């Protein structure tokens, strides 16, 4: 079908359909007026009449447009991004709240287990080991959280013995490069222990006297062991051990005074 004929048929439909829809003429009358186009006009006009008859059925129900608009607005509001503050205070179901509390509890228990494992493992660390800084940090934190002067002095004595034990282990493992730094660390530790014993004497003289005796006995014993090691080890170890023995001797002199 050429373009001219298509336009001619469209013009017939445009002219006849309003009258057909209004009931002014019949479909047969239109087809009789255009017999040469009847085969094409019939399906088009019948389809148009059927759609016209279904218009009421296809029309939206009353209030549909406004209701649909309201639903769309509600949906958009519901899809707005929620800030973390709003999420924090948003009411939660009992099951979800219980699950979050359980998850938090498991996290706390896991962190406590990891920290305790790290603490226990770090106690075996020696100067130069990767866990040794963690060991010193845990010791500092423990001391900071200890407020009783007598208990803090007792802890300082324990830490002093740790330093001397580390030196003995370094010598036995032939790791003599760490001796100078460890000797300086021991000297600092002894000074802190002496100072805390003096503070404890103000709070509890009897306990401070016992701590003083314990510190003196520990340093004498450690100096004796270090002297034996110096005599047993090769000459190149003597310098580092002499430094450590001198530190222990200076600590004993400070305790006597």
Foldseek 3Di string as FASTA:
>chain_A
DDPVVVVVLVVLCVVCQVCCLVVVDHLVVSCVVPVVCNVVNVVVSVVVNVCVVCVVVPDDDPPPVVVVVVVVVVVVVVPDDDDVVCVVPPDDDPVVVVVVVVVVVVVVVVVVVVVVVLQVVCLPDAPPDPSVVVNVVVLVVVLVPDDQLLVSLVSLLVVLLSLLVSLVVCLVVVVLVCLVVSLVVSLVSLVVSLVSLVVNCVVPVVSSVVSLVVSLVSLVVSLVVLVVSLVVDDPVSNVSSVSNSVSSVVSNVSSVD
